[in-house]
Amino acid sequence: MKRRILVITDFALYLVDPDADILKRRIALAAVDKLCISKLSDNFFAIIVPTEYDCLMASTRKKEIVDIIIKAIKSNSEYQPQVASSNRFEYHAAAEVIKEVEFEEAEGGVKTRITHKAKAKS
């Protein structure tokens, strides 16, 4: 996990490295296909970008962030990305790397497990 600042504008999402004070990634809102969140009180959510690689993030305000991303997308188009609420989802961590995130209730909170899946087929 790396600390990032997420900036949401009307046209894009920006991930900024606060330690180096540089832009690490720009994701056009039009490229966002889906947002994945679990049904539990963990902090994880994924931004699914089929034309690139996906982005797994953690924030104590995941629900508010997802709502603001949807609002930003809808402000410039008729499109509304799918929001998948599940305790298990996959995301592309890199071009050919698929990971699965699984959440389950545990004593005192939520247990999160991230595993590597088979490489994506070209």
N, C-alpha and C. Protein backbone atom coordinates (compact mmCIF):
# COMPACT_ATOMS: atom_id res chain seq x y z
N MET A 1 0.85 -1.18 0.00
CA MET A 1 0.00 0.00 0.00
C MET A 1 0.89 1.24 0.00
N LYS A 2 0.50 2.17 -0.84
CA LYS A 2 1.21 3.44 -0.91
C LYS A 2 0.23 4.56 -0.66
N ARG A 3 0.68 5.55 0.07
CA ARG A 3 -0.17 6.69 0.39
C ARG A 3 -0.32 7.57 -0.85
N ARG A 4 -1.57 7.92 -1.18
CA ARG A 4 -1.86 8.77 -2.33
C ARG A 4 -2.95 9.77 -1.96
N ILE A 5 -2.91 10.90 -2.63
CA ILE A 5 -3.99 11.88 -2.53
C ILE A 5 -4.83 11.70 -3.78
N LEU A 6 -6.13 11.54 -3.61
CA LEU A 6 -7.05 11.41 -4.74
C LEU A 6 -7.72 12.76 -4.97
N VAL A 7 -7.56 13.29 -6.19
CA VAL A 7 -8.19 14.54 -6.57
C VAL A 7 -9.24 14.19 -7.62
N ILE A 8 -10.47 14.63 -7.39
CA ILE A 8 -11.57 14.35 -8.32
C ILE A 8 -12.02 15.66 -8.94
N THR A 9 -11.98 15.73 -10.28
CA THR A 9 -12.45 16.91 -10.99
C THR A 9 -13.63 16.51 -11.87
N ASP A 10 -14.13 17.44 -12.65
CA ASP A 10 -15.25 17.14 -13.55
C ASP A 10 -14.85 16.23 -14.71
N PHE A 11 -13.54 16.09 -14.97
CA PHE A 11 -13.10 15.33 -16.13
C PHE A 11 -12.16 14.17 -15.84
N ALA A 12 -11.55 14.15 -14.65
CA ALA A 12 -10.56 13.10 -14.39
C ALA A 12 -10.35 12.89 -12.90
N LEU A 13 -9.72 11.76 -12.60
CA LEU A 13 -9.24 11.44 -11.26
C LEU A 13 -7.72 11.54 -11.31
N TYR A 14 -7.14 12.14 -10.30
CA TYR A 14 -5.69 12.30 -10.24
C TYR A 14 -5.19 11.66 -8.96
N LEU A 15 -4.14 10.85 -9.08
CA LEU A 15 -3.50 10.25 -7.92
C LEU A 15 -2.15 10.92 -7.74
N VAL A 16 -1.97 11.55 -6.61
CA VAL A 16 -0.77 12.33 -6.33
C VAL A 16 0.01 11.67 -5.20
N ASP A 17 1.31 11.55 -5.38
CA ASP A 17 2.19 11.04 -4.33
C ASP A 17 2.53 12.21 -3.41
N PRO A 18 2.02 12.22 -2.16
CA PRO A 18 2.24 13.36 -1.28
C PRO A 18 3.68 13.50 -0.79
N ASP A 19 4.42 12.41 -0.78
CA ASP A 19 5.81 12.46 -0.31
C ASP A 19 6.73 13.08 -1.37
N ALA A 20 6.53 12.68 -2.63
CA ALA A 20 7.36 13.21 -3.72
C ALA A 20 6.72 14.43 -4.37
N ASP A 21 5.46 14.70 -4.02
CA ASP A 21 4.71 15.83 -4.57
C ASP A 21 4.65 15.78 -6.10
N ILE A 22 4.34 14.56 -6.63
CA ILE A 22 4.21 14.41 -8.08
C ILE A 22 2.94 13.65 -8.43
N LEU A 23 2.45 13.92 -9.64
CA LEU A 23 1.29 13.21 -10.16
C LEU A 23 1.72 11.81 -10.57
N LYS A 24 1.06 10.79 -10.03
CA LYS A 24 1.39 9.41 -10.35
C LYS A 24 0.50 8.84 -11.45
N ARG A 25 -0.76 9.33 -11.50
CA ARG A 25 -1.68 8.78 -12.49
C ARG A 25 -2.85 9.72 -12.72
N ARG A 26 -3.30 9.77 -13.97
CA ARG A 26 -4.51 10.49 -14.34
C ARG A 26 -5.45 9.48 -14.99
N ILE A 27 -6.68 9.43 -14.51
CA ILE A 27 -7.69 8.54 -15.06
C ILE A 27 -8.84 9.41 -15.57
N ALA A 28 -9.08 9.40 -16.86
CA ALA A 28 -10.21 10.15 -17.41
C ALA A 28 -11.50 9.54 -16.88
N LEU A 29 -12.43 10.37 -16.46
CA LEU A 29 -13.70 9.85 -15.94
C LEU A 29 -14.43 9.02 -16.98
N ALA A 30 -14.27 9.39 -18.25
CA ALA A 30 -14.92 8.64 -19.33
C ALA A 30 -14.39 7.21 -19.43
N ALA A 31 -13.20 6.95 -18.89
CA ALA A 31 -12.60 5.62 -18.95
C ALA A 31 -13.04 4.71 -17.80
N VAL A 32 -13.68 5.28 -16.78
CA VAL A 32 -14.11 4.49 -15.62
C VAL A 32 -15.35 3.69 -16.00
N ASP A 33 -15.24 2.37 -15.91
CA ASP A 33 -16.33 1.48 -16.29
C ASP A 33 -17.17 1.05 -15.09
N LYS A 34 -16.48 0.82 -13.96
CA LYS A 34 -17.17 0.26 -12.81
C LYS A 34 -16.43 0.63 -11.54
N LEU A 35 -17.17 0.68 -10.44
CA LEU A 35 -16.59 0.89 -9.11
C LEU A 35 -17.00 -0.31 -8.26
N CYS A 36 -16.06 -0.90 -7.58
CA CYS A 36 -16.34 -2.07 -6.73
C CYS A 36 -16.12 -1.72 -5.27
N ILE A 37 -17.08 -2.05 -4.45
CA ILE A 37 -16.96 -1.87 -3.01
C ILE A 37 -17.51 -3.12 -2.32
N SER A 38 -17.03 -3.37 -1.12
CA SER A 38 -17.56 -4.52 -0.39
C SER A 38 -18.81 -4.09 0.38
N LYS A 39 -19.51 -5.09 0.87
CA LYS A 39 -20.72 -4.83 1.66
C LYS A 39 -20.39 -4.63 3.14
N LEU A 40 -19.12 -4.81 3.49
CA LEU A 40 -18.71 -4.72 4.89
C LEU A 40 -18.09 -3.36 5.19
N SER A 41 -17.72 -3.15 6.45
CA SER A 41 -17.20 -1.85 6.86
C SER A 41 -15.67 -1.79 6.76
N ASP A 42 -15.13 -2.30 5.67
CA ASP A 42 -13.70 -2.16 5.41
C ASP A 42 -13.50 -0.83 4.69
N ASN A 43 -12.30 -0.54 4.26
CA ASN A 43 -12.03 0.75 3.63
C ASN A 43 -11.71 0.65 2.14
N PHE A 44 -11.81 -0.53 1.56
CA PHE A 44 -11.36 -0.74 0.19
C PHE A 44 -12.43 -0.48 -0.86
N PHE A 45 -11.96 0.07 -2.00
CA PHE A 45 -12.80 0.17 -3.19
C PHE A 45 -11.88 0.10 -4.41
N ALA A 46 -12.44 -0.31 -5.53
CA ALA A 46 -11.65 -0.42 -6.76
C ALA A 46 -12.29 0.42 -7.85
N ILE A 47 -11.44 1.06 -8.63
CA ILE A 47 -11.87 1.82 -9.80
C ILE A 47 -11.46 0.98 -11.00
N ILE A 48 -12.45 0.50 -11.76
CA ILE A 48 -12.19 -0.40 -12.87
C ILE A 48 -12.09 0.41 -14.16
N VAL A 49 -10.92 0.31 -14.81
CA VAL A 49 -10.62 1.07 -16.02
C VAL A 49 -10.17 0.07 -17.10
N PRO A 50 -11.10 -0.44 -17.91
CA PRO A 50 -10.77 -1.50 -18.87
C PRO A 50 -9.69 -1.14 -19.89
N THR A 51 -9.57 0.12 -20.25
CA THR A 51 -8.58 0.52 -21.26
C THR A 51 -7.17 0.64 -20.69
N GLU A 52 -7.04 0.57 -19.37
CA GLU A 52 -5.72 0.68 -18.73
C GLU A 52 -5.62 -0.45 -17.70
N TYR A 53 -5.18 -0.12 -16.51
CA TYR A 53 -5.19 -1.06 -15.40
C TYR A 53 -6.07 -0.44 -14.31
N ASP A 54 -6.56 -1.27 -13.42
CA ASP A 54 -7.49 -0.82 -12.40
C ASP A 54 -6.75 -0.24 -11.20
N CYS A 55 -7.51 0.34 -10.29
CA CYS A 55 -6.90 1.01 -9.14
C CYS A 55 -7.62 0.56 -7.87
N LEU A 56 -6.90 -0.11 -6.98
CA LEU A 56 -7.45 -0.50 -5.68
C LEU A 56 -7.01 0.54 -4.67
N MET A 57 -7.98 1.09 -3.95
CA MET A 57 -7.68 2.14 -2.98
C MET A 57 -8.32 1.81 -1.64
N ALA A 58 -7.83 2.46 -0.60
CA ALA A 58 -8.41 2.32 0.73
C ALA A 58 -8.61 3.71 1.32
N SER A 59 -9.79 3.91 1.88
CA SER A 59 -10.11 5.17 2.55
C SER A 59 -11.23 4.93 3.53
N THR A 60 -11.17 5.62 4.64
CA THR A 60 -12.25 5.51 5.63
C THR A 60 -13.53 6.15 5.09
N ARG A 61 -13.42 6.88 3.98
CA ARG A 61 -14.59 7.55 3.38
C ARG A 61 -14.91 6.97 2.01
N LYS A 62 -14.80 5.64 1.87
CA LYS A 62 -14.98 5.01 0.56
C LYS A 62 -16.35 5.29 -0.04
N LYS A 63 -17.40 5.25 0.74
CA LYS A 63 -18.75 5.47 0.21
C LYS A 63 -18.89 6.89 -0.34
N GLU A 64 -18.38 7.88 0.38
CA GLU A 64 -18.45 9.27 -0.09
C GLU A 64 -17.63 9.46 -1.36
N ILE A 65 -16.46 8.84 -1.43
CA ILE A 65 -15.62 8.95 -2.62
C ILE A 65 -16.32 8.35 -3.83
N VAL A 66 -16.89 7.17 -3.68
CA VAL A 66 -17.60 6.53 -4.79
C VAL A 66 -18.77 7.41 -5.23
N ASP A 67 -19.52 7.97 -4.30
CA ASP A 67 -20.64 8.85 -4.64
C ASP A 67 -20.17 10.08 -5.42
N ILE A 68 -19.05 10.66 -5.01
CA ILE A 68 -18.54 11.86 -5.69
C ILE A 68 -18.02 11.51 -7.09
N ILE A 69 -17.39 10.36 -7.25
CA ILE A 69 -16.93 9.94 -8.58
C ILE A 69 -18.13 9.77 -9.51
N ILE A 70 -19.19 9.13 -9.03
CA ILE A 70 -20.40 8.94 -9.84
C ILE A 70 -21.00 10.30 -10.21
N LYS A 71 -21.09 11.19 -9.25
CA LYS A 71 -21.63 12.53 -9.51
C LYS A 71 -20.79 13.27 -10.55
N ALA A 72 -19.47 13.16 -10.46
CA ALA A 72 -18.58 13.83 -11.43
C ALA A 72 -18.78 13.26 -12.83
N ILE A 73 -18.91 11.94 -12.94
CA ILE A 73 -19.13 11.32 -14.25
C ILE A 73 -20.47 11.77 -14.83
N LYS A 74 -21.51 11.74 -14.01
CA LYS A 74 -22.85 12.13 -14.48
C LYS A 74 -22.94 13.61 -14.83
N SER A 75 -22.06 14.44 -14.28
CA SER A 75 -22.13 15.88 -14.57
C SER A 75 -21.73 16.21 -16.00
N ASN A 76 -21.01 15.31 -16.66
CA ASN A 76 -20.55 15.56 -18.02
C ASN A 76 -21.07 14.57 -19.05
N SER A 77 -21.88 13.62 -18.63
CA SER A 77 -22.40 12.63 -19.58
C SER A 77 -23.67 12.01 -19.03
N GLU A 78 -24.31 11.25 -19.87
CA GLU A 78 -25.51 10.51 -19.46
C GLU A 78 -25.13 9.17 -18.83
N TYR A 79 -23.85 8.85 -18.91
CA TYR A 79 -23.35 7.56 -18.45
C TYR A 79 -23.23 7.52 -16.94
N GLN A 80 -23.62 6.40 -16.36
CA GLN A 80 -23.39 6.17 -14.94
C GLN A 80 -22.68 4.83 -14.80
N PRO A 81 -21.50 4.82 -14.21
CA PRO A 81 -20.78 3.56 -14.08
C PRO A 81 -21.51 2.60 -13.14
N GLN A 82 -21.30 1.34 -13.38
CA GLN A 82 -21.88 0.31 -12.51
C GLN A 82 -21.17 0.37 -11.16
N VAL A 83 -21.92 0.20 -10.09
CA VAL A 83 -21.33 0.06 -8.76
C VAL A 83 -21.62 -1.36 -8.30
N ALA A 84 -20.57 -2.16 -8.20
CA ALA A 84 -20.70 -3.55 -7.79
C ALA A 84 -20.40 -3.65 -6.30
N SER A 85 -21.39 -4.09 -5.55
CA SER A 85 -21.24 -4.25 -4.11
C SER A 85 -21.18 -5.74 -3.80
N SER A 86 -19.99 -6.21 -3.46
CA SER A 86 -19.78 -7.63 -3.23
C SER A 86 -18.62 -7.81 -2.26
N ASN A 87 -18.60 -8.94 -1.58
CA ASN A 87 -17.50 -9.20 -0.65
C ASN A 87 -16.34 -9.93 -1.33
N ARG A 88 -16.38 -9.97 -2.66
CA ARG A 88 -15.27 -10.53 -3.44
C ARG A 88 -15.31 -9.90 -4.82
N PHE A 89 -14.16 -9.37 -5.26
CA PHE A 89 -14.08 -8.86 -6.63
C PHE A 89 -12.65 -8.95 -7.15
N GLU A 90 -12.54 -8.93 -8.47
CA GLU A 90 -11.24 -8.99 -9.13
C GLU A 90 -10.92 -7.63 -9.72
N TYR A 91 -9.62 -7.36 -9.84
CA TYR A 91 -9.18 -6.15 -10.52
C TYR A 91 -7.85 -6.42 -11.19
N HIS A 92 -7.56 -5.67 -12.24
CA HIS A 92 -6.29 -5.79 -12.97
C HIS A 92 -5.28 -4.85 -12.32
N ALA A 93 -4.34 -5.41 -11.58
CA ALA A 93 -3.32 -4.61 -10.90
C ALA A 93 -2.29 -4.08 -11.89
N ALA A 94 -2.15 -4.76 -13.02
CA ALA A 94 -1.26 -4.36 -14.11
C ALA A 94 -1.83 -4.98 -15.38
N ALA A 95 -1.18 -4.73 -16.50
CA ALA A 95 -1.71 -5.19 -17.78
C ALA A 95 -2.05 -6.68 -17.78
N GLU A 96 -1.18 -7.50 -17.20
CA GLU A 96 -1.42 -8.94 -17.23
C GLU A 96 -1.53 -9.57 -15.84
N VAL A 97 -1.78 -8.76 -14.83
CA VAL A 97 -1.86 -9.27 -13.45
C VAL A 97 -3.26 -9.05 -12.90
N ILE A 98 -3.93 -10.14 -12.60
CA ILE A 98 -5.26 -10.06 -12.01
C ILE A 98 -5.15 -10.45 -10.53
N LYS A 99 -5.75 -9.63 -9.68
CA LYS A 99 -5.79 -9.94 -8.25
C LYS A 99 -7.24 -10.03 -7.81
N GLU A 100 -7.47 -10.82 -6.77
CA GLU A 100 -8.80 -10.94 -6.19
C GLU A 100 -8.75 -10.43 -4.76
N VAL A 101 -9.74 -9.63 -4.42
CA VAL A 101 -9.86 -9.11 -3.06
C VAL A 101 -11.08 -9.78 -2.44
N GLU A 102 -10.91 -10.30 -1.24
CA GLU A 102 -12.01 -10.98 -0.56
C GLU A 102 -12.12 -10.42 0.86
N PHE A 103 -13.35 -10.14 1.26
CA PHE A 103 -13.61 -9.57 2.57
C PHE A 103 -14.50 -10.53 3.35
N GLU A 104 -14.19 -10.68 4.64
CA GLU A 104 -15.08 -11.47 5.50
C GLU A 104 -15.07 -10.88 6.90
N GLU A 105 -16.20 -11.03 7.54
CA GLU A 105 -16.30 -10.52 8.91
C GLU A 105 -15.42 -11.37 9.82
N ALA A 106 -14.74 -10.69 10.71
CA ALA A 106 -13.88 -11.37 11.67
C ALA A 106 -14.11 -10.72 13.02
N GLU A 107 -13.67 -11.38 14.06
CA GLU A 107 -13.84 -10.82 15.39
C GLU A 107 -13.16 -9.45 15.46
N GLY A 108 -13.94 -8.45 15.78
CA GLY A 108 -13.40 -7.10 15.93
C GLY A 108 -13.26 -6.31 14.64
N GLY A 109 -13.75 -6.83 13.52
CA GLY A 109 -13.65 -6.05 12.28
C GLY A 109 -13.83 -6.88 11.03
N VAL A 110 -13.06 -6.52 10.02
CA VAL A 110 -13.16 -7.18 8.72
C VAL A 110 -11.79 -7.70 8.32
N LYS A 111 -11.75 -8.94 7.86
CA LYS A 111 -10.52 -9.55 7.37
C LYS A 111 -10.48 -9.36 5.85
N THR A 112 -9.38 -8.82 5.35
CA THR A 112 -9.22 -8.58 3.92
C THR A 112 -8.09 -9.45 3.40
N ARG A 113 -8.37 -10.17 2.30
CA ARG A 113 -7.36 -11.03 1.70
C ARG A 113 -7.22 -10.65 0.22
N ILE A 114 -5.98 -10.39 -0.20
CA ILE A 114 -5.70 -10.06 -1.60
C ILE A 114 -4.82 -11.16 -2.15
N THR A 115 -5.28 -11.83 -3.21
CA THR A 115 -4.52 -12.94 -3.79
C THR A 115 -4.30 -12.69 -5.28
N HIS A 116 -3.20 -13.25 -5.78
CA HIS A 116 -2.90 -13.20 -7.22
C HIS A 116 -3.73 -14.26 -7.92
N LYS A 117 -4.30 -13.89 -9.04
CA LYS A 117 -5.01 -14.86 -9.88
C LYS A 117 -4.11 -15.17 -11.07
N ALA A 118 -4.58 -15.99 -11.97
CA ALA A 118 -3.83 -16.29 -13.19
C ALA A 118 -3.65 -15.02 -14.01
N LYS A 119 -2.60 -14.98 -14.80
CA LYS A 119 -2.37 -13.83 -15.66
C LYS A 119 -3.49 -13.71 -16.68
N ALA A 120 -3.80 -12.46 -17.05
CA ALA A 120 -4.83 -12.22 -18.05
C ALA A 120 -4.36 -12.74 -19.40
N LYS A 121 -5.29 -13.27 -20.16
CA LYS A 121 -4.94 -13.76 -21.50
C LYS A 121 -5.01 -12.62 -22.48
N SER A 122 -4.04 -12.55 -23.39
CA SER A 122 -4.02 -11.46 -24.36
C SER A 122 -4.96 -11.71 -25.49
